[in-house]
Structures are given as C-alpha cells and as structure tokens.
Protein backbone atom coordinates (compact mmCIF):
# COMPACT_ATOMS: atom_id res chain seq x y z
CA MET A 1 69.86 -10.98 -81.93
CA ASN A 2 67.46 -9.44 -79.11
CA LYS A 3 68.19 -9.71 -75.32
CA THR A 4 64.64 -11.50 -74.71
CA PHE A 5 65.66 -14.17 -77.46
CA ARG A 6 69.57 -13.67 -76.24
CA ILE A 7 68.19 -15.11 -72.44
CA ILE A 8 65.53 -18.37 -73.89
CA THR A 9 69.69 -19.06 -76.39
CA MET A 10 70.43 -19.29 -73.16
CA MET A 11 68.14 -21.38 -71.50
CA TYR A 12 68.45 -23.89 -74.77
CA LEU A 13 72.00 -23.93 -74.38
CA ILE A 14 71.77 -25.32 -70.65
CA PHE A 15 68.92 -27.82 -71.39
CA LEU A 16 70.35 -29.15 -74.30
CA SER A 17 74.30 -29.60 -71.61
CA ALA A 18 71.92 -31.08 -69.22
CA VAL A 19 69.90 -33.61 -71.52
CA LEU A 20 73.33 -34.78 -72.92
CA GLY A 21 75.00 -34.57 -69.61
CA ALA A 22 72.21 -36.91 -67.81
CA GLY A 23 72.44 -39.07 -71.34
CA LEU A 24 76.43 -39.64 -70.78
CA PHE A 25 76.11 -40.31 -67.18
CA ALA A 26 72.71 -42.86 -68.00
CA GLY A 27 75.22 -44.66 -70.34
CA ILE A 28 78.14 -44.13 -68.42
CA VAL A 29 78.18 -44.05 -64.68
CA VAL A 30 74.74 -46.02 -63.99
CA ALA A 31 74.82 -48.84 -66.19
CA PRO A 32 79.09 -49.97 -65.17
CA VAL A 33 77.61 -49.65 -61.98
CA THR A 34 74.31 -51.03 -62.61
CA PHE A 35 75.43 -54.08 -64.42
CA HIS A 36 78.47 -54.59 -62.14
CA THR A 37 75.98 -55.26 -58.54
CA ASP A 38 78.41 -57.65 -57.73
CA THR A 39 81.24 -56.31 -57.54
CA TRP A 40 80.23 -53.36 -55.30
CA LEU A 41 77.29 -55.51 -53.37
CA GLY A 42 80.54 -58.49 -52.88
CA ALA A 43 77.76 -60.80 -53.52
CA ASP A 44 75.72 -62.07 -56.47
CA ILE A 45 72.51 -60.18 -54.54
CA LEU A 46 70.55 -59.84 -58.49
CA THR A 47 70.74 -61.68 -62.12
CA ARG A 48 71.54 -60.05 -64.57
CA TYR A 49 67.61 -59.23 -65.66
CA GLN A 50 67.50 -58.02 -62.88
CA GLU A 51 69.72 -55.68 -63.25
CA GLY A 52 69.06 -55.25 -66.54
CA GLN A 53 65.12 -54.01 -64.85
CA ILE A 54 66.55 -51.55 -63.34
CA MET A 55 68.40 -50.00 -65.44
CA THR A 56 65.88 -49.77 -68.06
CA GLU A 57 63.91 -48.01 -65.78
CA ASN A 58 66.25 -45.13 -65.02
CA PHE A 59 66.28 -45.35 -69.22
CA LEU A 60 62.47 -44.68 -69.54
CA ARG A 61 63.08 -42.48 -67.19
CA LEU A 62 65.51 -40.54 -69.15
CA SER A 63 63.15 -41.10 -71.70
CA TYR A 64 60.31 -38.61 -70.71
CA LEU A 65 64.04 -35.80 -70.87
CA VAL A 66 64.53 -37.13 -74.13
CA THR A 67 60.56 -36.44 -75.66
CA VAL A 68 60.43 -33.06 -73.34
CA ALA A 69 63.95 -32.11 -75.69
CA LEU A 70 62.46 -33.04 -78.87
CA LEU A 71 60.20 -30.73 -78.27
CA VAL A 72 62.30 -28.10 -76.67
CA VAL A 73 64.50 -28.70 -79.92
CA VAL A 74 61.73 -28.75 -82.45
CA LEU A 75 60.33 -25.16 -80.71
CA TYR A 76 63.29 -22.88 -80.63
CA GLU A 77 65.38 -24.91 -84.46
CA GLY A 78 61.53 -24.35 -85.63
CA TYR A 79 61.84 -20.52 -85.52
CA LYS A 80 65.27 -20.13 -85.72
CA PHE A 81 64.49 -21.64 -89.74
CA LYS A 82 61.31 -19.50 -89.82
CA LYS A 83 63.32 -16.12 -89.37
CA PHE A 84 65.98 -17.52 -92.27
CA GLU A 85 68.39 -18.77 -89.64
CA ARG A 86 69.37 -21.73 -91.21
CA ASP A 87 72.78 -23.11 -91.86
CA PRO A 88 72.81 -27.18 -92.93
CA VAL A 89 74.56 -28.40 -90.32
CA THR A 90 72.08 -27.78 -87.57
CA GLN A 91 69.23 -28.39 -90.05
CA VAL A 92 71.47 -32.12 -90.22
CA ALA A 93 71.32 -32.42 -86.58
CA THR A 94 68.13 -31.36 -85.77
CA PHE A 95 67.18 -34.11 -88.01
CA PHE A 96 69.26 -36.28 -86.53
CA VAL A 97 68.07 -35.31 -82.63
CA LEU A 98 64.72 -35.55 -83.62
CA ALA A 99 64.55 -38.84 -85.46
CA THR A 100 66.86 -40.74 -83.02
CA GLY A 101 65.05 -39.29 -80.00
CA LEU A 102 62.13 -40.83 -81.43
CA LEU A 103 63.27 -43.75 -81.85
CA PHE A 104 65.14 -43.94 -78.32
CA THR A 105 61.59 -42.88 -76.55
CA GLN A 106 58.88 -44.23 -78.97
CA TYR A 107 60.28 -47.87 -80.77
CA TYR A 108 63.92 -49.16 -78.53
CA ILE A 109 62.22 -48.34 -74.80
CA PRO A 110 58.80 -49.34 -75.40
CA ASP A 111 60.51 -52.72 -78.00
CA ILE A 112 63.00 -53.81 -74.69
CA ILE A 113 59.72 -53.31 -71.96
CA ALA A 114 57.39 -55.46 -73.69
CA MET A 115 60.49 -57.29 -74.49
CA GLN A 116 60.52 -58.10 -71.25
CA ASN A 117 57.74 -57.69 -69.73
CA LEU A 118 58.01 -61.97 -71.62
CA GLY A 119 60.72 -63.04 -69.13
CA GLU A 120 64.28 -63.93 -68.87
CA ALA A 121 64.46 -65.83 -71.53
CA ALA A 122 62.89 -63.55 -74.02
CA THR A 123 65.52 -61.07 -73.08
CA GLN A 124 68.31 -63.55 -73.65
CA THR A 125 67.10 -64.44 -77.74
CA THR A 126 68.83 -62.71 -80.70
CA ALA A 127 66.26 -59.76 -81.11
CA PHE A 128 66.72 -58.68 -77.49
CA LEU A 129 70.40 -58.49 -77.72
CA ASN A 130 69.78 -57.29 -81.05
CA THR A 131 67.46 -54.42 -80.12
CA HIS A 132 69.68 -53.73 -77.39
CA LYS A 133 72.48 -52.54 -79.15
CA GLY A 134 70.88 -51.00 -82.20
CA SER A 135 69.68 -49.24 -78.54
CA GLU A 136 72.90 -48.36 -77.74
CA ILE A 137 74.09 -47.71 -81.54
CA ASN A 138 71.08 -44.87 -81.40
CA PHE A 139 71.53 -43.23 -78.25
CA LYS A 140 75.35 -42.41 -80.01
CA ILE A 141 74.24 -40.54 -82.65
CA LEU A 142 71.44 -39.04 -80.33
CA SER A 143 74.87 -37.74 -78.40
CA VAL A 144 76.71 -37.09 -81.07
CA ALA A 145 73.50 -34.47 -82.53
CA LEU A 146 73.40 -33.38 -79.93
CA LEU A 147 76.48 -32.10 -79.61
CA VAL A 148 76.69 -30.71 -82.44
CA LEU A 149 73.94 -29.24 -82.13
CA LEU A 150 75.26 -27.54 -79.17
CA VAL A 151 78.07 -26.44 -80.68
CA GLN A 152 76.68 -25.06 -83.43
CA ASN A 153 74.07 -22.85 -81.46
CA MET A 154 76.53 -21.99 -78.65
CA ARG A 155 78.98 -20.64 -82.12
CA ARG A 156 76.49 -18.46 -83.35
CA ALA A 157 74.60 -17.24 -79.69
CA CYS A 158 78.27 -15.87 -78.88
CA LYS A 159 79.12 -13.72 -82.91
C-alpha cells in the first residue's frame, strides 16, 4: 500500500468511526435525554410530540452526515473493488451500509417528518409507530454494518 493510499485509509477509518460514534451518541445519549425532559427539568414543560420534534431535528442533521458517509464509502470501497482488493465480508458490509443508510436518509427521515407535519394525532397512529420502530431497527443494522466495515478495513490496513 503506497503512502498516499495509507493516509487516505486512515482518514477513511477515522471518518467511519466518527459517523458510528455520532449515531451511537444520538441513540444512546441524546434520545433518552430528549424523551425524558421532565426528569431533567423537574416539570412537564414539553409534550411527547414536542420532544419527538426535537429528536427528529437531531436525526435530520445526523442524516446529512450519513449521506456524506455513503458517498465516501462508495468512493473508497469502489476504488478498492476496482483494484481487486475484495473480500466477501467487506462487500456484504458495504451493501448493508449503503442500503440501510439510504433507507435512513431517503425513506425513514422524510416519512417521519411528513407524519409529524400532519400533527400530533398522526404520530400516535400504528403507521407512525411502525415506521419509527423500523427506523430504529434500520439504524441498528447500519451501526453494526459500519462497525464491521471499520473493523475489516482496520484489519487489512494493519497487515
């Protein structure tokens, strides 16, 4: 591996780590705090719907980072594929990162925003609850796929 590509690989690994960290932080720290404002503020100041709007804005901004990550993954992994540096685990992880990342940014986020724009009643329907649950599962798969991609590339870079 030449020096330039080694530096690009290190930047790629750092970027994937940052995206994974941002996603985990949003799910593990931001969501529980946002949805329990009564605990932190001492009173019911925000409704569940308002808390959901705040959380949606957090995930909308996270989706911008995920979109950039998808582009970076396509470029880096596409280049490696073209150079015949392939392994099945990386290819599967790349597929899952791209598929779940696109679902997150192009399906779940816009769908959730559209339902929220219909008002509080729309966020209490079965359709909204199922969409929200699907987005949670999708994001967990995205996180695992990013971790696998990160580990595989780190393993190959450290050889």
